Each structure stands twice: as C-alpha cells, then as structure tokens.
C-alpha cells in the first residue's frame, strides 16, 4: 500500500513539473530574442527601443534571462510578482544567465550601462 501511495505521489509531482514551462529571453546589446527553452525554437526577435524592455510572464511559467552584452555592463531589472511586490535589481550582463522564481508576472529589463546610479526609474 505504501508503494502505491508513493508511486501516485511521484506521478502527480512529475505531471505538475511538466505543466511548468520555461521561456528564455536573450539580450545582446539592443537585440532581444525570445525562444522556447526545450525546443530551442526562436519565437520572435525584437529590439529594445525604450529605456526598459517589458516581458509579461504567464501564470505558472518560469523566465530565464540570458544577458549577453559584449562588454562588462550592468542592467537594471525590475521584477513584479503576483502579490504586488516589486523587486529592483542591478545585474551583471556579460554572459550571465538568471532564472526568476515562480510567481513573477512582469519583468522590465533596462539598457546596458557602464555605471548604474539610483534605485529605480519608476
């Protein structure tokens, strides 16, 4: 009986893990690529024209940010969560990959800069 309960629990957790989807957004200079993490299929290519590039995340999804500027730069990243919390970060953007924890609904990524002053540009 214990083995049956354990196998049902493992099956349920495996199905729950498959329901979570990972989307990758790759930043290189002003170009932005969004692709499916598992299939390596480019979904679209865009350019960062504004001060911040916004990414909306569907409920249950995880976002992988790949910041790949050619030189050592910093980027402001504002993360909004479903509970209303907003987290402000300054991230190194030379070949660094960041995974956001589940619950994030919107991410704003700033342009690459040599020096970042101030907390945020709301």
PDB file of N, CA and C in Angstrom:
ATOM      1  N   UNK A   1       0.821  -1.195   0.000  1.00  0.00           N
ATOM      2  CA  UNK A   1       0.000   0.000   0.000  1.00  0.00           C
ATOM      3  C   UNK A   1       0.867   1.263   0.000  1.00  0.00           C
ATOM      4  N   UNK A   2       1.972   1.218   0.767  1.00  0.00           N
ATOM      5  CA  UNK A   2       2.857   2.371   0.813  1.00  0.00           C
ATOM      6  C   UNK A   2       3.487   2.639  -0.551  1.00  0.00           C
ATOM      7  N   UNK A   3       3.850   1.551  -1.258  1.00  0.00           N
ATOM      8  CA  UNK A   3       4.450   1.720  -2.584  1.00  0.00           C
ATOM      9  C   UNK A   3       3.454   2.336  -3.561  1.00  0.00           C
ATOM     10  N   UNK A   4       2.204   1.944  -3.460  1.00  0.00           N
ATOM     11  CA  UNK A   4       1.178   2.502  -4.340  1.00  0.00           C
ATOM     12  C   UNK A   4       0.984   3.995  -4.067  1.00  0.00           C
ATOM     13  N   UNK A   5       0.932   4.373  -2.803  1.00  0.00           N
ATOM     14  CA  UNK A   5       0.781   5.781  -2.435  1.00  0.00           C
ATOM     15  C   UNK A   5       1.987   6.589  -2.891  1.00  0.00           C
ATOM     16  N   UNK A   6       3.175   6.023  -2.712  1.00  0.00           N
ATOM     17  CA  UNK A   6       4.402   6.708  -3.123  1.00  0.00           C
ATOM     18  C   UNK A   6       4.448   6.881  -4.640  1.00  0.00           C
ATOM     19  N   UNK A   7       4.059   5.848  -5.385  1.00  0.00           N
ATOM     20  CA  UNK A   7       4.100   5.956  -6.842  1.00  0.00           C
ATOM     21  C   UNK A   7       3.074   6.959  -7.356  1.00  0.00           C
ATOM     22  N   UNK A   8       1.917   7.038  -6.731  1.00  0.00           N
ATOM     23  CA  UNK A   8       0.913   8.034  -7.114  1.00  0.00           C
ATOM     24  C   UNK A   8       1.425   9.443  -6.835  1.00  0.00           C
ATOM     25  N   UNK A   9       2.091   9.632  -5.708  1.00  0.00           N
ATOM     26  CA  UNK A   9       2.654  10.943  -5.367  1.00  0.00           C
ATOM     27  C   UNK A   9       3.743  11.339  -6.352  1.00  0.00           C
ATOM     28  N   UNK A  10       4.596  10.394  -6.723  1.00  0.00           N
ATOM     29  CA  UNK A  10       5.647  10.685  -7.702  1.00  0.00           C
ATOM     30  C   UNK A  10       5.067  11.022  -9.072  1.00  0.00           C
ATOM     31  N   UNK A  11       4.043  10.305  -9.482  1.00  0.00           N
ATOM     32  CA  UNK A  11       3.390  10.585 -10.758  1.00  0.00           C
ATOM     33  C   UNK A  11       2.747  11.963 -10.755  1.00  0.00           C
ATOM     34  N   UNK A  12       2.098  12.318  -9.670  1.00  0.00           N
ATOM     35  CA  UNK A  12       1.456  13.633  -9.571  1.00  0.00           C
ATOM     36  C   UNK A  12       2.497  14.753  -9.615  1.00  0.00           C
ATOM     37  N   UNK A  13       3.624  14.556  -8.939  1.00  0.00           N
ATOM     38  CA  UNK A  13       4.660  15.592  -8.962  1.00  0.00           C
ATOM     39  C   UNK A  13       5.297  15.702 -10.339  1.00  0.00           C
ATOM     40  N   UNK A  14       5.466  14.592 -11.046  1.00  0.00           N
ATOM     41  CA  UNK A  14       6.025  14.638 -12.398  1.00  0.00           C
ATOM     42  C   UNK A  14       5.085  15.373 -13.347  1.00  0.00           C
ATOM     43  N   UNK A  15       3.780  15.147 -13.210  1.00  0.00           N
ATOM     44  CA  UNK A  15       2.815  15.857 -14.059  1.00  0.00           C
ATOM     45  C   UNK A  15       2.800  17.343 -13.738  1.00  0.00           C
ATOM     46  N   UNK A  16       2.959  17.690 -12.490  1.00  0.00           N
ATOM     47  CA  UNK A  16       2.991  19.104 -12.109  1.00  0.00           C
ATOM     48  C   UNK A  16       4.238  19.787 -12.657  1.00  0.00           C
ATOM     49  N   UNK A  17       5.365  19.086 -12.686  1.00  0.00           N
ATOM     50  CA  UNK A  17       6.588  19.657 -13.234  1.00  0.00           C
ATOM     51  C   UNK A  17       6.479  19.876 -14.736  1.00  0.00           C
ATOM     52  N   UNK A  18       5.808  18.973 -15.429  1.00  0.00           N
ATOM     53  CA  UNK A  18       5.633  19.144 -16.867  1.00  0.00           C
ATOM     54  C   UNK A  18       4.740  20.333 -17.185  1.00  0.00           C
ATOM     55  N   UNK A  19       3.840  20.705 -16.292  1.00  0.00           N
ATOM     56  CA  UNK A  19       2.934  21.816 -16.536  1.00  0.00           C
ATOM     57  C   UNK A  19       3.671  23.150 -16.499  1.00  0.00           C
ATOM     58  N   UNK A  20       4.789  23.202 -15.807  1.00  0.00           N
ATOM     59  CA  UNK A  20       5.572  24.434 -15.727  1.00  0.00           C
ATOM     60  C   UNK A  20       6.372  24.591 -17.009  1.00  0.00           C
ATOM     61  N   UNK A  21       6.333  25.749 -17.611  1.00  0.00           N
ATOM     62  CA  UNK A  21       7.030  25.994 -18.856  1.00  0.00           C
ATOM     63  C   UNK A  21       8.109  27.038 -18.619  1.00  0.00           C
ATOM     64  N   UNK A  22       9.225  26.896 -19.296  1.00  0.00           N
ATOM     65  CA  UNK A  22      10.319  27.842 -19.172  1.00  0.00           C
ATOM     66  C   UNK A  22      10.491  28.589 -20.481  1.00  0.00           C
ATOM     67  N   UNK A  23      10.474  29.898 -20.396  1.00  0.00           N
ATOM     68  CA  UNK A  23      10.710  30.745 -21.551  1.00  0.00           C
ATOM     69  C   UNK A  23      12.031  31.461 -21.346  1.00  0.00           C
ATOM     70  N   UNK A  24      12.855  31.511 -22.380  1.00  0.00           N
ATOM     71  CA  UNK A  24      14.134  32.204 -22.289  1.00  0.00           C
ATOM     72  C   UNK A  24      14.081  33.484 -23.101  1.00  0.00           C
ATOM     73  N   UNK A  25      14.636  34.538 -22.536  1.00  0.00           N
ATOM     74  CA  UNK A  25      14.767  35.802 -23.237  1.00  0.00           C
ATOM     75  C   UNK A  25      16.247  36.154 -23.233  1.00  0.00           C
ATOM     76  N   UNK A  26      16.790  36.326 -24.415  1.00  0.00           N
ATOM     77  CA  UNK A  26      18.216  36.532 -24.614  1.00  0.00           C
ATOM     78  C   UNK A  26      18.452  37.974 -25.048  1.00  0.00           C
ATOM     79  N   UNK A  27      19.225  38.719 -24.266  1.00  0.00           N
ATOM     80  CA  UNK A  27      19.542  40.112 -24.559  1.00  0.00           C
ATOM     81  C   UNK A  27      20.985  40.198 -25.020  1.00  0.00           C
ATOM     82  N   UNK A  28      21.204  40.812 -26.168  1.00  0.00           N
ATOM     83  CA  UNK A  28      22.551  41.082 -26.640  1.00  0.00           C
ATOM     84  C   UNK A  28      22.551  42.481 -27.235  1.00  0.00           C
ATOM     85  N   UNK A  29      23.102  43.425 -26.495  1.00  0.00           N
ATOM     86  CA  UNK A  29      23.051  44.819 -26.935  1.00  0.00           C
ATOM     87  C   UNK A  29      21.612  45.298 -26.952  1.00  0.00           C
ATOM     88  N   UNK A  30      21.149  45.776 -28.121  1.00  0.00           N
ATOM     89  CA  UNK A  30      19.763  46.232 -28.252  1.00  0.00           C
ATOM     90  C   UNK A  30      18.841  45.161 -28.807  1.00  0.00           C
ATOM     91  N   UNK A  31      19.378  44.037 -29.229  1.00  0.00           N
ATOM     92  CA  UNK A  31      18.555  42.970 -29.786  1.00  0.00           C
ATOM     93  C   UNK A  31      18.064  42.042 -28.679  1.00  0.00           C
ATOM     94  N   UNK A  32      16.801  41.606 -28.832  1.00  0.00           N
ATOM     95  CA  UNK A  32      16.168  40.727 -27.843  1.00  0.00           C
ATOM     96  C   UNK A  32      15.591  39.521 -28.585  1.00  0.00           C
ATOM     97  N   UNK A  33      15.964  38.325 -28.141  1.00  0.00           N
ATOM     98  CA  UNK A  33      15.457  37.084 -28.723  1.00  0.00           C
ATOM     99  C   UNK A  33      14.668  36.356 -27.650  1.00  0.00           C
ATOM    100  N   UNK A  34      13.486  35.898 -28.012  1.00  0.00           N
ATOM    101  CA  UNK A  34      12.726  35.057 -27.091  1.00  0.00           C
ATOM    102  C   UNK A  34      12.585  33.697 -27.738  1.00  0.00           C
ATOM    103  N   UNK A  35      12.904  32.650 -26.972  1.00  0.00           N
ATOM    104  CA  UNK A  35      12.818  31.312 -27.527  1.00  0.00           C
ATOM    105  C   UNK A  35      12.334  30.327 -26.481  1.00  0.00           C
ATOM    106  N   UNK A  36      11.862  29.189 -26.983  1.00  0.00           N
ATOM    107  CA  UNK A  36      11.388  28.104 -26.135  1.00  0.00           C
ATOM    108  C   UNK A  36      12.609  27.363 -25.599  1.00  0.00           C
ATOM    109  N   UNK A  37      12.684  27.204 -24.298  1.00  0.00           N
ATOM    110  CA  UNK A  37      13.849  26.624 -23.643  1.00  0.00           C
ATOM    111  C   UNK A  37      14.116  25.191 -24.078  1.00  0.00           C
ATOM    112  N   UNK A  38      13.072  24.386 -24.246  1.00  0.00           N
ATOM    113  CA  UNK A  38      13.253  22.978 -24.548  1.00  0.00           C
ATOM    114  C   UNK A  38      13.461  22.701 -26.027  1.00  0.00           C
ATOM    115  N   UNK A  39      12.770  23.429 -26.883  1.00  0.00           N
ATOM    116  CA  UNK A  39      12.830  23.142 -28.316  1.00  0.00           C
ATOM    117  C   UNK A  39      13.876  23.980 -29.038  1.00  0.00           C
ATOM    118  N   UNK A  40      14.475  24.965 -28.363  1.00  0.00           N
ATOM    119  CA  UNK A  40      15.432  25.877 -28.991  1.00  0.00           C
ATOM    120  C   UNK A  40      14.857  26.535 -30.245  1.00  0.00           C
ATOM    121  N   UNK A  41      13.579  26.831 -30.205  1.00  0.00           N
ATOM    122  CA  UNK A  41      12.905  27.481 -31.310  1.00  0.00           C
ATOM    123  C   UNK A  41      12.748  28.959 -30.994  1.00  0.00           C
ATOM    124  N   UNK A  42      13.238  29.823 -31.879  1.00  0.00           N
ATOM    125  CA  UNK A  42      13.101  31.260 -31.668  1.00  0.00           C
ATOM    126  C   UNK A  42      11.644  31.640 -31.906  1.00  0.00           C
ATOM    127  N   UNK A  43      11.021  32.225 -30.890  1.00  0.00           N
ATOM    128  CA  UNK A  43       9.627  32.644 -31.002  1.00  0.00           C
ATOM    129  C   UNK A  43       9.527  33.998 -31.695  1.00  0.00           C
ATOM    130  N   UNK A  44      10.392  34.931 -31.325  1.00  0.00           N
ATOM    131  CA  UNK A  44      10.453  36.207 -32.041  1.00  0.00           C
ATOM    132  C   UNK A  44      11.734  36.956 -31.705  1.00  0.00           C
ATOM    133  N   UNK A  45      12.062  37.902 -32.575  1.00  0.00           N
ATOM    134  CA  UNK A  45      13.230  38.763 -32.407  1.00  0.00           C
ATOM    135  C   UNK A  45      12.720  40.196 -32.338  1.00  0.00           C
ATOM    136  N   UNK A  46      13.237  40.967 -31.397  1.00  0.00           N
ATOM    137  CA  UNK A  46      12.783  42.345 -31.194  1.00  0.00           C
ATOM    138  C   UNK A  46      14.002  43.214 -30.911  1.00  0.00           C
ATOM    139  N   UNK A  47      13.785  44.509 -30.816  1.00  0.00           N
ATOM    140  CA  UNK A  47      14.838  45.459 -30.441  1.00  0.00           C
ATOM    141  C   UNK A  47      14.372  46.252 -29.236  1.00  0.00           C
ATOM    142  N   UNK A  48      15.304  46.663 -28.415  1.00  0.00           N
ATOM    143  CA  UNK A  48      14.991  47.456 -27.234  1.00  0.00           C
ATOM    144  C   UNK A  48      15.130  48.931 -27.596  1.00  0.00           C
ATOM    145  N   UNK A  49      13.984  49.561 -27.878  1.00  0.00           N
ATOM    146  CA  UNK A  49      13.975  50.966 -28.261  1.00  0.00           C
ATOM    147  C   UNK A  49      13.834  51.882 -27.048  1.00  0.00           C
ATOM    148  N   UNK A  50      13.043  51.461 -26.075  1.00  0.00           N
ATOM    149  CA  UNK A  50      12.774  52.286 -24.903  1.00  0.00           C
ATOM    150  C   UNK A  50      13.827  52.047 -23.826  1.00  0.00           C
ATOM    151  N   UNK A  51      13.693  52.803 -22.741  1.00  0.00           N
ATOM    152  CA  UNK A  51      14.617  52.673 -21.627  1.00  0.00           C
ATOM    153  C   UNK A  51      14.522  51.286 -20.987  1.00  0.00           C
ATOM    154  N   UNK A  52      13.310  50.738 -20.941  1.00  0.00           N
ATOM    155  CA  UNK A  52      13.085  49.403 -20.387  1.00  0.00           C
ATOM    156  C   UNK A  52      12.373  48.529 -21.401  1.00  0.00           C
ATOM    157  N   UNK A  53      12.729  47.246 -21.415  1.00  0.00           N
ATOM    158  CA  UNK A  53      12.049  46.256 -22.243  1.00  0.00           C
ATOM    159  C   UNK A  53      11.185  45.417 -21.309  1.00  0.00           C
ATOM    160  N   UNK A  54       9.882  45.353 -21.576  1.00  0.00           N
ATOM    161  CA  UNK A  54       8.948  44.633 -20.700  1.00  0.00           C
ATOM    162  C   UNK A  54       8.689  43.221 -21.205  1.00  0.00           C
ATOM    163  N   UNK A  55       8.665  42.292 -20.256  1.00  0.00           N
ATOM    164  CA  UNK A  55       8.353  40.894 -20.549  1.00  0.00           C
ATOM    165  C   UNK A  55       7.214  40.477 -19.628  1.00  0.00           C
ATOM    166  N   UNK A  56       6.101  40.055 -20.200  1.00  0.00           N
ATOM    167  CA  UNK A  56       4.981  39.537 -19.416  1.00  0.00           C
ATOM    168  C   UNK A  56       5.119  38.025 -19.319  1.00  0.00           C
ATOM    169  N   UNK A  57       4.926  37.497 -18.113  1.00  0.00           N
ATOM    170  CA  UNK A  57       5.096  36.071 -17.865  1.00  0.00           C
ATOM    171  C   UNK A  57       3.743  35.470 -17.522  1.00  0.00           C
ATOM    172  N   UNK A  58       3.384  34.396 -18.191  1.00  0.00           N
ATOM    173  CA  UNK A  58       2.122  33.721 -17.915  1.00  0.00           C
ATOM    174  C   UNK A  58       2.194  32.997 -16.579  1.00  0.00           C
ATOM    175  N   UNK A  59       1.047  32.846 -15.953  1.00  0.00           N
ATOM    176  CA  UNK A  59       0.978  32.197 -14.646  1.00  0.00           C
ATOM    177  C   UNK A  59       1.521  30.773 -14.740  1.00  0.00           C
ATOM    178  N   UNK A  60       2.394  30.427 -13.809  1.00  0.00           N
ATOM    179  CA  UNK A  60       2.972  29.086 -13.777  1.00  0.00           C
ATOM    180  C   UNK A  60       4.245  28.935 -14.582  1.00  0.00           C
ATOM    181  N   UNK A  61       4.629  29.944 -15.352  1.00  0.00           N
ATOM    182  CA  UNK A  61       5.837  29.865 -16.163  1.00  0.00           C
ATOM    183  C   UNK A  61       7.045  30.404 -15.407  1.00  0.00           C
ATOM    184  N   UNK A  62       8.214  29.993 -15.839  1.00  0.00           N
ATOM    185  CA  UNK A  62       9.477  30.460 -15.284  1.00  0.00           C
ATOM    186  C   UNK A  62      10.221  31.177 -16.398  1.00  0.00           C
ATOM    187  N   UNK A  63      10.879  32.276 -16.064  1.00  0.00           N
ATOM    188  CA  UNK A  63      11.620  33.045 -17.058  1.00  0.00           C
ATOM    189  C   UNK A  63      13.116  32.863 -16.833  1.00  0.00           C
ATOM    190  N   UNK A  64      13.820  32.597 -17.907  1.00  0.00           N
ATOM    191  CA  UNK A  64      15.274  32.517 -17.909  1.00  0.00           C
ATOM    192  C   UNK A  64      15.778  33.750 -18.658  1.00  0.00           C
ATOM    193  N   UNK A  65      16.515  34.617 -17.973  1.00  0.00           N
ATOM    194  CA  UNK A  65      17.096  35.806 -18.604  1.00  0.00           C
ATOM    195  C   UNK A  65      18.556  35.519 -18.919  1.00  0.00           C
ATOM    196  N   UNK A  66      18.910  35.635 -20.187  1.00  0.00           N
ATOM    197  CA  UNK A  66      20.307  35.477 -20.588  1.00  0.00           C
ATOM    198  C   UNK A  66      20.784  36.849 -21.043  1.00  0.00           C
ATOM    199  N   UNK A  67      21.617  37.479 -20.224  1.00  0.00           N
ATOM    200  CA  UNK A  67      22.135  38.805 -20.519  1.00  0.00           C
ATOM    201  C   UNK A  67      23.529  38.629 -21.114  1.00  0.00           C
ATOM    202  N   UNK A  68      23.662  38.975 -22.379  1.00  0.00           N
ATOM    203  CA  UNK A  68      24.895  38.683 -23.100  1.00  0.00           C
ATOM    204  C   UNK A  68      25.431  39.920 -23.803  1.00  0.00           C
ATOM    205  N   UNK A  69      25.782  40.932 -23.046  1.00  0.00           N
ATOM    206  CA  UNK A  69      26.398  42.107 -23.644  1.00  0.00           C
ATOM    207  C   UNK A  69      27.864  41.792 -23.932  1.00  0.00           C
ATOM    208  N   UNK A  70      28.418  42.426 -24.937  1.00  0.00           N
ATOM    209  CA  UNK A  70      29.784  42.119 -25.354  1.00  0.00           C
ATOM    210  C   UNK A  70      30.834  42.577 -24.344  1.00  0.00           C
ATOM    211  N   UNK A  71      30.519  43.594 -23.573  1.00  0.00           N
ATOM    212  CA  UNK A  71      31.455  44.134 -22.585  1.00  0.00           C
ATOM    213  C   UNK A  71      30.828  44.026 -21.200  1.00  0.00           C
ATOM    214  N   UNK A  72      31.630  44.222 -20.173  1.00  0.00           N
ATOM    215  CA  UNK A  72      31.095  44.217 -18.816  1.00  0.00           C
ATOM    216  C   UNK A  72      30.156  45.398 -18.642  1.00  0.00           C
ATOM    217  N   UNK A  73      28.895  45.124 -18.454  1.00  0.00           N
ATOM    218  CA  UNK A  73      27.876  46.147 -18.284  1.00  0.00           C
ATOM    219  C   UNK A  73      26.938  45.733 -17.158  1.00  0.00           C
ATOM    220  N   UNK A  74      26.103  46.690 -16.737  1.00  0.00           N
ATOM    221  CA  UNK A  74      25.084  46.451 -15.725  1.00  0.00           C
ATOM    222  C   UNK A  74      23.732  46.774 -16.321  1.00  0.00           C
ATOM    223  N   UNK A  75      22.708  46.067 -15.882  1.00  0.00           N
ATOM    224  CA  UNK A  75      21.332  46.328 -16.317  1.00  0.00           C
ATOM    225  C   UNK A  75      20.437  46.392 -15.090  1.00  0.00           C
ATOM    226  N   UNK A  76      19.541  47.381 -15.078  1.00  0.00           N
ATOM    227  CA  UNK A  76      18.501  47.427 -14.044  1.00  0.00           C
ATOM    228  C   UNK A  76      17.402  46.457 -14.454  1.00  0.00           C
ATOM    229  N   UNK A  77      16.970  45.643 -13.509  1.00  0.00           N
ATOM    230  CA  UNK A  77      15.899  44.682 -13.758  1.00  0.00           C
ATOM    231  C   UNK A  77      14.874  44.821 -12.643  1.00  0.00           C
ATOM    232  N   UNK A  78      13.632  45.167 -13.024  1.00  0.00           N
ATOM    233  CA  UNK A  78      12.527  45.298 -12.077  1.00  0.00           C
ATOM    234  C   UNK A  78      11.603  44.095 -12.251  1.00  0.00           C
ATOM    235  N   UNK A  79      11.347  43.379 -11.167  1.00  0.00           N
ATOM    236  CA  UNK A  79      10.519  42.176 -11.216  1.00  0.00           C
ATOM    237  C   UNK A  79       9.259  42.416 -10.401  1.00  0.00           C
ATOM    238  N   UNK A  80       8.098  42.260 -11.045  1.00  0.00           N
ATOM    239  CA  UNK A  80       6.808  42.402 -10.365  1.00  0.00           C
ATOM    240  C   UNK A  80       6.222  41.013 -10.144  1.00  0.00           C
ATOM    241  N   UNK A  81       5.783  40.755  -8.909  1.00  0.00           N
ATOM    242  CA  UNK A  81       5.203  39.460  -8.560  1.00  0.00           C
ATOM    243  C   UNK A  81       3.687  39.567  -8.458  1.00  0.00           C
ATOM    244  N   UNK A  82       3.027  38.417  -8.474  1.00  0.00           N
ATOM    245  CA  UNK A  82       1.561  38.379  -8.466  1.00  0.00           C
ATOM    246  C   UNK A  82       0.968  38.948  -7.178  1.00  0.00           C
ATOM    247  N   UNK A  83       1.727  38.972  -6.090  1.00  0.00           N
ATOM    248  CA  UNK A  83       1.217  39.513  -4.823  1.00  0.00           C
ATOM    249  C   UNK A  83       1.412  41.032  -4.726  1.00  0.00           C
ATOM    250  N   UNK A  84       1.910  41.667  -5.791  1.00  0.00           N
ATOM    251  CA  UNK A  84       2.089  43.119  -5.808  1.00  0.00           C
ATOM    252  C   UNK A  84       3.492  43.574  -5.437  1.00  0.00           C
ATOM    253  N   UNK A  85       4.330  42.667  -4.992  1.00  0.00           N
ATOM    254  CA  UNK A  85       5.698  43.010  -4.610  1.00  0.00           C
ATOM    255  C   UNK A  85       6.526  43.333  -5.857  1.00  0.00           C
ATOM    256  N   UNK A  86       7.351  44.367  -5.769  1.00  0.00           N
ATOM    257  CA  UNK A  86       8.262  44.740  -6.847  1.00  0.00           C
ATOM    258  C   UNK A  86       9.682  44.693  -6.306  1.00  0.00           C
ATOM    259  N   UNK A  87      10.549  43.964  -6.996  1.00  0.00           N
ATOM    260  CA  UNK A  87      11.947  43.822  -6.583  1.00  0.00           C
ATOM    261  C   UNK A  87      12.811  44.507  -7.631  1.00  0.00           C
ATOM    262  N   UNK A  88      13.719  45.371  -7.160  1.00  0.00           N
ATOM    263  CA  UNK A  88      14.624  46.105  -8.038  1.00  0.00           C
ATOM    264  C   UNK A  88      16.013  45.492  -7.923  1.00  0.00           C
ATOM    265  N   UNK A  89      16.606  45.132  -9.068  1.00  0.00           N
ATOM    266  CA  UNK A  89      17.929  44.524  -9.087  1.00  0.00           C
ATOM    267  C   UNK A  89      18.835  45.249 -10.074  1.00  0.00           C
ATOM    268  N   UNK A  90      20.112  45.202  -9.836  1.00  0.00           N
ATOM    269  CA  UNK A  90      21.125  45.615 -10.801  1.00  0.00           C
ATOM    270  C   UNK A  90      21.950  44.368 -11.076  1.00  0.00           C
ATOM    271  N   UNK A  91      21.909  43.880 -12.334  1.00  0.00           N
ATOM    272  CA  UNK A  91      22.534  42.610 -12.676  1.00  0.00           C
ATOM    273  C   UNK A  91      23.705  42.802 -13.625  1.00  0.00           C
ATOM    274  N   UNK A  92      24.730  41.991 -13.461  1.00  0.00           N
ATOM    275  CA  UNK A  92      25.854  41.959 -14.374  1.00  0.00           C
ATOM    276  C   UNK A  92      25.370  41.350 -15.687  1.00  0.00           C
ATOM    277  N   UNK A  93      25.731  41.941 -16.817  1.00  0.00           N
ATOM    278  CA  UNK A  93      25.136  41.475 -18.068  1.00  0.00           C
ATOM    279  C   UNK A  93      26.143  40.975 -19.089  1.00  0.00           C
ATOM    280  N   UNK A  94      27.299  40.525 -18.655  1.00  0.00           N
ATOM    281  CA  UNK A  94      28.225  39.923 -19.616  1.00  0.00           C
ATOM    282  C   UNK A  94      28.192  38.409 -19.456  1.00  0.00           C
ATOM    283  N   UNK A  95      27.432  37.769 -20.342  1.00  0.00           N
ATOM    284  CA  UNK A  95      27.313  36.312 -20.371  1.00  0.00           C
ATOM    285  C   UNK A  95      26.839  35.724 -19.048  1.00  0.00           C
ATOM    286  N   UNK A  96      25.775  36.296 -18.489  1.00  0.00           N
ATOM    287  CA  UNK A  96      25.196  35.770 -17.260  1.00  0.00           C
ATOM    288  C   UNK A  96      23.766  35.309 -17.524  1.00  0.00           C
ATOM    289  N   UNK A  97      23.382  34.217 -16.882  1.00  0.00           N
ATOM    290  CA  UNK A  97      22.030  33.672 -17.002  1.00  0.00           C
ATOM    291  C   UNK A  97      21.379  33.725 -15.627  1.00  0.00           C
ATOM    292  N   UNK A  98      20.153  34.249 -15.590  1.00  0.00           N
ATOM    293  CA  UNK A  98      19.401  34.374 -14.344  1.00  0.00           C
ATOM    294  C   UNK A  98      18.043  33.691 -14.519  1.00  0.00           C
ATOM    295  N   UNK A  99      17.616  32.916 -13.518  1.00  0.00           N
ATOM    296  CA  UNK A  99      16.301  32.294 -13.511  1.00  0.00           C
ATOM    297  C   UNK A  99      15.461  33.000 -12.452  1.00  0.00           C
ATOM    298  N   UNK A 100      14.246  33.394 -12.832  1.00  0.00           N
ATOM    299  CA  UNK A 100      13.357  34.053 -11.891  1.00  0.00           C
ATOM    300  C   UNK A 100      12.492  33.023 -11.204  1.00  0.00           C
ATOM    301  N   UNK A 101      12.267  33.221  -9.917  1.00  0.00           N
ATOM    302  CA  UNK A 101      11.445  32.270  -9.181  1.00  0.00           C
ATOM    303  C   UNK A 101       9.990  32.378  -9.650  1.00  0.00           C
ATOM    304  N   UNK A 102       9.228  31.303  -9.534  1.00  0.00           N
ATOM    305  CA  UNK A 102       7.821  31.326  -9.960  1.00  0.00           C
ATOM    306  C   UNK A 102       7.035  32.394  -9.198  1.00  0.00           C
ATOM    307  N   UNK A 103       6.049  32.958  -9.844  1.00  0.00           N
ATOM    308  CA  UNK A 103       5.224  33.998  -9.243  1.00  0.00           C
ATOM    309  C   UNK A 103       5.450  35.354  -9.876  1.00  0.00           C
ATOM    310  N   UNK A 104       6.521  35.490 -10.644  1.00  0.00           N
ATOM    311  CA  UNK A 104       6.781  36.753 -11.338  1.00  0.00           C
ATOM    312  C   UNK A 104       5.781  36.884 -12.486  1.00  0.00           C
ATOM    313  N   UNK A 105       5.193  38.084 -12.639  1.00  0.00           N
ATOM    314  CA  UNK A 105       4.224  38.302 -13.705  1.00  0.00           C
ATOM    315  C   UNK A 105       4.724  39.285 -14.761  1.00  0.00           C
ATOM    316  N   UNK A 106       5.681  40.142 -14.379  1.00  0.00           N
ATOM    317  CA  UNK A 106       6.201  41.115 -15.336  1.00  0.00           C
ATOM    318  C   UNK A 106       7.639  41.450 -14.963  1.00  0.00           C
ATOM    319  N   UNK A 107       8.484  41.535 -15.983  1.00  0.00           N
ATOM    320  CA  UNK A 107       9.884  41.875 -15.784  1.00  0.00           C
ATOM    321  C   UNK A 107      10.222  43.015 -16.733  1.00  0.00           C
ATOM    322  N   UNK A 108      10.908  44.013 -16.201  1.00  0.00           N
ATOM    323  CA  UNK A 108      11.373  45.135 -17.025  1.00  0.00           C
ATOM    324  C   UNK A 108      12.893  45.149 -16.972  1.00  0.00           C
ATOM    325  N   UNK A 109      13.524  45.055 -18.153  1.00  0.00           N
ATOM    326  CA  UNK A 109      14.974  44.992 -18.249  1.00  0.00           C
ATOM    327  C   UNK A 109      15.471  46.283 -18.888  1.00  0.00           C
ATOM    328  N   UNK A 110      16.367  46.975 -18.192  1.00  0.00           N
ATOM    329  CA  UNK A 110      16.911  48.235 -18.686  1.00  0.00           C
ATOM    330  C   UNK A 110      18.019  48.030 -19.708  1.00  0.00           C
ATOM    331  N   UNK A 111      18.410  49.127 -20.324  1.00  0.00           N
ATOM    332  CA  UNK A 111      19.509  49.105 -21.280  1.00  0.00           C
ATOM    333  C   UNK A 111      20.831  48.824 -20.564  1.00  0.00           C
ATOM    334  N   UNK A 112      21.819  48.286 -21.304  1.00  0.00           N
ATOM    335  CA  UNK A 112      23.129  48.062 -20.681  1.00  0.00           C
ATOM    336  C   UNK A 112      23.822  49.391 -20.390  1.00  0.00           C
ATOM    337  N   UNK A 113      24.422  49.483 -19.213  1.00  0.00           N
ATOM    338  CA  UNK A 113      25.122  50.699 -18.803  1.00  0.00           C
ATOM    339  C   UNK A 113      26.442  50.334 -18.145  1.00  0.00           C
ATOM    340  N   UNK A 114      27.359  51.259 -18.206  1.00  0.00           N
ATOM    341  CA  UNK A 114      28.651  51.059 -17.565  1.00  0.00           C
ATOM    342  C   UNK A 114      28.543  51.256 -16.064  1.00  0.00           C
ATOM    343  N   UNK A 115      27.706  52.235 -15.654  1.00  0.00           N
ATOM    344  CA  UNK A 115      27.524  52.566 -14.249  1.00  0.00           C
ATOM    345  C   UNK A 115      26.041  52.814 -14.004  1.00  0.00           C
ATOM    346  N   UNK A 116      25.511  52.284 -12.921  1.00  0.00           N
ATOM    347  CA  UNK A 116      24.101  52.474 -12.587  1.00  0.00           C
ATOM    348  C   UNK A 116      24.012  53.233 -11.279  1.00  0.00           C
ATOM    349  N   UNK A 117      23.332  54.371 -11.320  1.00  0.00           N
ATOM    350  CA  UNK A 117      23.111  55.154 -10.117  1.00  0.00           C
ATOM    351  C   UNK A 117      21.635  55.150  -9.787  1.00  0.00           C
ATOM    352  N   UNK A 118      21.291  55.201  -8.523  1.00  0.00           N
ATOM    353  CA  UNK A 118      19.890  55.246  -8.113  1.00  0.00           C
ATOM    354  C   UNK A 118      19.265  53.882  -8.049  1.00  0.00           C
ATOM    355  N   UNK A 119      18.130  53.852  -7.336  1.00  0.00           N
ATOM    356  CA  UNK A 119      17.439  52.575  -7.122  1.00  0.00           C
ATOM    357  C   UNK A 119      16.634  52.136  -8.337  1.00  0.00           C
ATOM    358  N   UNK A 120      15.816  53.036  -8.862  1.00  0.00           N
ATOM    359  CA  UNK A 120      14.953  52.655  -9.972  1.00  0.00           C
ATOM    360  C   UNK A 120      14.485  53.882 -10.727  1.00  0.00           C
ATOM    361  N   UNK A 121      13.967  53.631 -11.902  1.00  0.00           N
ATOM    362  CA  UNK A 121      13.316  54.666 -12.711  1.00  0.00           C
ATOM    363  C   UNK A 121      11.868  54.260 -12.859  1.00  0.00           C
ATOM    364  N   UNK A 122      11.062  54.654 -11.952  1.00  0.00           N
ATOM    365  CA  UNK A 122       9.663  54.181 -11.960  1.00  0.00           C
ATOM    366  C   UNK A 122       8.876  54.846 -12.995  1.00  0.00           C
TER     367      UNK A 122
END
